Every structure is written in structure tokens, then in C-alpha cells.
Protein backbone atom coordinates (compact mmCIF):
# COMPACT_ATOMS: atom_id res chain seq x y z
CA MET A 1 44.10 -47.75 8.54
CA PRO A 2 40.60 -47.25 7.11
CA LYS A 3 40.16 -45.05 4.08
CA LEU A 4 37.37 -42.63 3.33
CA VAL A 5 36.90 -41.44 -0.23
CA LEU A 6 34.64 -38.47 -1.02
CA VAL A 7 33.50 -37.83 -4.57
CA ARG A 8 31.24 -35.16 -5.91
CA HIS A 9 28.91 -36.42 -8.68
CA GLY A 10 29.97 -36.01 -12.31
CA GLN A 11 28.86 -33.02 -14.36
CA SER A 12 25.02 -32.73 -14.50
CA LEU A 13 22.98 -31.08 -17.19
CA TRP A 14 22.31 -28.08 -14.96
CA ASN A 15 26.03 -27.78 -14.04
CA LEU A 16 26.60 -27.51 -17.80
CA GLU A 17 23.83 -24.91 -18.17
CA ASP A 18 25.11 -23.01 -15.09
CA ARG A 19 21.82 -23.40 -13.23
CA PHE A 20 21.13 -23.77 -9.48
CA THR A 21 20.31 -27.44 -9.00
CA GLY A 22 19.70 -28.20 -5.35
CA TRP A 23 17.23 -31.03 -4.79
CA VAL A 24 15.91 -31.16 -8.38
CA ASP A 25 16.72 -34.56 -9.97
CA VAL A 26 18.88 -33.64 -12.94
CA PRO A 27 20.64 -36.22 -15.12
CA LEU A 28 24.39 -36.46 -15.76
CA THR A 29 25.77 -35.29 -19.08
CA ALA A 30 27.87 -37.61 -21.29
CA GLN A 31 30.85 -35.75 -19.87
CA GLY A 32 29.62 -36.41 -16.33
CA ARG A 33 29.35 -40.12 -17.00
CA GLU A 34 32.89 -40.16 -18.45
CA GLU A 35 34.20 -38.23 -15.40
CA ALA A 36 32.67 -40.92 -13.18
CA ARG A 37 34.28 -43.72 -15.24
CA GLN A 38 37.64 -41.98 -14.91
CA ALA A 39 37.16 -41.69 -11.13
CA GLY A 40 36.38 -45.42 -11.00
CA HIS A 41 39.63 -46.20 -12.88
CA LYS A 42 41.58 -44.01 -10.42
CA LEU A 43 40.00 -45.87 -7.45
CA ALA A 44 40.36 -49.37 -8.94
CA SER A 45 43.31 -50.30 -6.73
CA LEU A 46 41.34 -49.60 -3.52
CA LYS A 47 38.99 -52.09 -1.91
CA PHE A 48 35.86 -50.68 -0.35
CA ASP A 49 33.47 -52.31 2.11
CA VAL A 50 30.45 -50.02 1.75
CA ALA A 51 29.29 -47.01 -0.24
CA TYR A 52 27.04 -44.06 0.68
CA THR A 53 25.18 -41.76 -1.64
CA SER A 54 22.35 -39.23 -1.60
CA ALA A 55 18.70 -39.60 -2.59
CA LEU A 56 19.37 -37.83 -5.95
CA THR A 57 19.89 -39.62 -9.23
CA ARG A 58 23.03 -37.75 -10.37
CA ALA A 59 24.96 -38.98 -7.29
CA GLN A 60 23.53 -42.52 -7.55
CA VAL A 61 24.37 -42.86 -11.27
CA THR A 62 27.90 -41.49 -10.58
CA LEU A 63 28.36 -44.12 -7.85
CA GLN A 64 27.10 -46.93 -10.04
CA THR A 65 29.38 -45.83 -12.90
CA ILE A 66 32.36 -45.70 -10.50
CA MET A 67 31.59 -49.20 -9.23
CA ASP A 68 31.22 -50.54 -12.78
CA ALA A 69 34.61 -49.03 -13.74
CA MET A 70 36.15 -50.54 -10.61
CA GLU A 71 34.42 -53.89 -11.46
CA SER A 72 33.16 -53.95 -7.89
CA GLN A 73 29.62 -53.87 -6.50
CA LEU A 74 29.25 -52.67 -2.93
CA PRO A 75 26.44 -52.49 -0.39
CA VAL A 76 24.95 -49.02 -1.00
CA ILE A 77 23.24 -46.85 1.61
CA LYS A 78 21.16 -43.95 0.22
CA ASP A 79 20.13 -41.05 2.44
CA GLN A 80 18.86 -37.55 1.79
CA ALA A 81 21.12 -36.31 4.61
CA LEU A 82 23.79 -36.36 1.87
CA ASN A 83 21.68 -34.40 -0.63
CA GLU A 84 22.94 -31.19 -2.19
CA ARG A 85 22.20 -27.91 -0.48
CA HIS A 86 18.58 -26.93 -1.16
CA TYR A 87 18.66 -23.71 -3.19
CA GLY A 88 15.01 -22.87 -2.57
CA ASP A 89 13.61 -20.26 -4.96
CA LEU A 90 16.84 -20.24 -6.99
CA GLN A 91 16.51 -23.87 -8.08
CA GLY A 92 16.43 -24.10 -11.86
CA LEU A 93 17.53 -20.51 -12.42
CA ASN A 94 20.54 -19.69 -14.53
CA LYS A 95 23.20 -18.10 -12.33
CA ALA A 96 23.88 -15.15 -14.64
CA GLN A 97 20.15 -14.42 -15.01
CA THR A 98 19.73 -14.65 -11.24
CA ALA A 99 22.48 -12.05 -10.79
CA GLU A 100 20.66 -9.76 -13.22
CA LYS A 101 17.37 -10.21 -11.33
CA PHE A 102 18.59 -9.96 -7.70
CA GLY A 103 21.95 -8.18 -8.14
CA LYS A 104 25.36 -9.74 -8.34
CA ASP A 105 26.28 -8.94 -4.74
CA GLN A 106 23.12 -10.47 -3.32
CA VAL A 107 23.54 -13.70 -5.34
CA HIS A 108 27.20 -13.88 -4.25
CA ILE A 109 26.04 -13.69 -0.60
CA TRP A 110 23.51 -16.47 -1.13
CA ARG A 111 26.05 -18.67 -2.88
CA ARG A 112 29.08 -18.00 -0.84
CA SER A 113 28.13 -16.97 2.69
CA TYR A 114 28.21 -19.68 5.33
CA ASP A 115 25.00 -18.83 7.18
CA ILE A 116 22.75 -16.76 4.88
CA PRO A 117 20.29 -18.96 2.95
CA PRO A 118 18.68 -18.08 -0.37
CA PRO A 119 14.88 -17.50 -0.21
CA ASN A 120 13.20 -20.72 1.00
CA GLY A 121 16.51 -22.60 0.79
CA GLU A 122 19.43 -23.74 2.90
CA SER A 123 22.69 -22.08 3.83
CA LEU A 124 25.88 -24.15 3.96
CA GLU A 125 25.51 -24.08 7.72
CA MET A 126 22.00 -25.65 7.44
CA THR A 127 23.32 -28.27 4.99
CA ALA A 128 26.10 -29.17 7.45
CA ALA A 129 23.54 -29.44 10.25
CA ARG A 130 21.85 -32.39 8.46
CA THR A 131 24.92 -33.89 6.76
CA LEU A 132 27.36 -34.05 9.66
CA PRO A 133 25.21 -35.88 12.25
CA PHE A 134 24.59 -38.59 9.59
CA PHE A 135 28.29 -38.64 8.74
CA GLU A 136 29.33 -38.99 12.34
CA ARG A 137 26.72 -41.64 13.20
CA CYS A 138 26.82 -43.84 10.10
CA ILE A 139 29.95 -43.20 8.05
CA LEU A 140 32.36 -42.74 10.94
CA GLY A 141 30.63 -45.73 12.52
CA ASP A 142 31.90 -47.84 9.62
CA ILE A 143 35.32 -46.18 9.81
CA SER A 144 35.55 -47.12 13.52
CA GLN A 145 35.12 -50.75 12.49
CA GLY A 146 38.09 -50.46 10.13
CA LYS A 147 35.99 -50.35 6.95
CA ASN A 148 36.95 -48.50 3.79
CA VAL A 149 34.08 -46.22 2.80
CA LEU A 150 33.20 -44.57 -0.54
CA VAL A 151 30.86 -41.54 -0.38
CA VAL A 152 29.44 -40.13 -3.66
CA ALA A 153 27.43 -37.01 -2.92
CA HIS A 154 27.35 -33.33 -3.82
CA GLY A 155 29.46 -30.18 -3.79
CA ASN A 156 27.98 -28.73 -0.58
CA SER A 157 27.27 -31.92 1.37
CA ASN A 158 30.87 -32.99 0.72
CA ARG A 159 32.15 -29.50 1.51
CA SER A 160 30.58 -29.72 4.98
CA ILE A 161 32.35 -33.06 5.52
CA VAL A 162 35.68 -31.72 4.28
CA MET A 163 35.23 -28.67 6.51
CA MET A 164 35.03 -30.96 9.54
CA LEU A 165 37.86 -33.30 8.50
CA ASP A 166 40.24 -30.53 7.46
CA LYS A 167 39.22 -28.32 10.42
CA LEU A 168 38.38 -25.37 8.12
CA SER A 169 36.97 -22.14 9.47
CA LYS A 170 33.68 -20.66 8.21
CA GLU A 171 35.79 -18.28 6.08
CA GLU A 172 38.13 -21.02 4.74
CA VAL A 173 35.30 -23.32 3.60
CA LEU A 174 33.89 -20.55 1.39
CA GLU A 175 37.03 -20.79 -0.77
CA LEU A 176 36.77 -24.57 -1.06
CA ASN A 177 35.63 -25.78 -4.49
CA LEU A 178 35.27 -29.49 -5.20
CA GLY A 179 35.59 -30.54 -8.83
CA THR A 180 33.07 -32.93 -10.35
CA ALA A 181 34.01 -36.62 -9.91
CA VAL A 182 37.39 -35.81 -8.34
CA PRO A 183 38.16 -38.35 -5.59
CA LEU A 184 39.45 -37.08 -2.24
CA VAL A 185 41.15 -39.97 -0.43
CA TYR A 186 41.51 -39.68 3.37
CA GLU A 187 43.38 -42.16 5.48
CA LEU A 188 41.91 -42.06 9.00
CA GLU A 189 42.43 -43.43 12.46
CA LYS A 190 39.49 -45.51 13.61
CA ASP A 191 38.45 -42.51 15.78
CA GLY A 192 38.19 -40.34 12.65
CA THR A 193 41.46 -38.46 13.08
CA VAL A 194 42.91 -37.58 9.66
CA LEU A 195 46.32 -39.11 8.93
CA SER A 196 46.63 -38.13 5.26
CA LYS A 197 44.66 -36.65 2.36
CA GLN A 198 45.23 -37.14 -1.32
CA ILE A 199 43.40 -35.66 -4.33
CA LEU A 200 43.33 -38.12 -7.29
């Protein structure tokens, strides 16, 4: 049965500084690179046919570091459909300072509601609206051919994929947190039906 592995990028500089990142190209920290290496070691026993990543450097570097640790180079498809949620006017702002400026409750709504976007940004619903058609067309297209697929993307693009695979409600997905560089290993039927899920 084909396997799909989802990995959020390793810790970025703005994760460390607790800032809203979104589509800003922020580098990985030394810890983030090490997290990616560890993910690669955990995945070393699996054989992949293709890898997907976003248009953002932190995901691409995480993927390359994972492949180096696995001692395997794969065909890589990059697409901004897998980019992080766009945080609009919040991008670059420290989360605590943003709460002081706009109020803790308002920032919580922007961060954690399913369908309310921050100013000039995307909600999780809007992120899913660009991520899932790409996932269904391209990634599940490879799964349907029996290929093992590695996807290295972002917290929110991966959350929208997990929401679909795990059949989570709008309320349940709000409680879903994906750790940096933690592989989620799905075994699927060729039609995309989930047979098993493992967190490495």
C-alpha cells in the first residue's frame, strides 16, 4: 500500500522569536536543521518515489536536509499551493505584542478560528481552499499509482490535509497542532482511504 508522509518544516527563526511568519521567507534555526536531520533518520527505512514542498525556503531546506539524512535524492515538485497560511498584516509581528495591540481575544480568533482571516490575510478555510485541490489532483494522483510520497510543507497547509485525511470537523482541526519536523506516516489505499496513521 502506498505511504504518504507529511512533515512540517523545522523550527524557523520567526518560530523561535514567536512571530507570525506566513509567506515571508524566513531561514531555519540551527535547531530547525537538526530537527530536519532527525526526521530524515526516522524516515531512512522508507523508500519514496517523489517529494512535494512549498515555494518557501524553510520547507525546501527542511526537505533537502531530510533527503540528505536519508541518503536519498528524490524528484521534487515545488508549489505555492502548499505555502503556509498568509497572515496578512500580522506577518512579522510578535504574537505577544500583537495581542497587546489588538487584544488577546481578537488575536485568538484570527489564529484559531476556521473561517475568520486576519486583516489582508487568509483563514484556515482559505488555506485549505488552495491546498486541497492541489493535494487531490497531484499528490493523490501519485498515491493512486502506488507511489510513496513525502510532503514537507507548513503547519497550516499540512493541517488542512490532515483535516481531510482524518475527517476532522471545523472545531476539531482548531485543536490540531503539528510539531516542527515531526513525520506523520499514513498508509493509504490507492483511492486515498486511510488504512493507518503513525506519528514518528
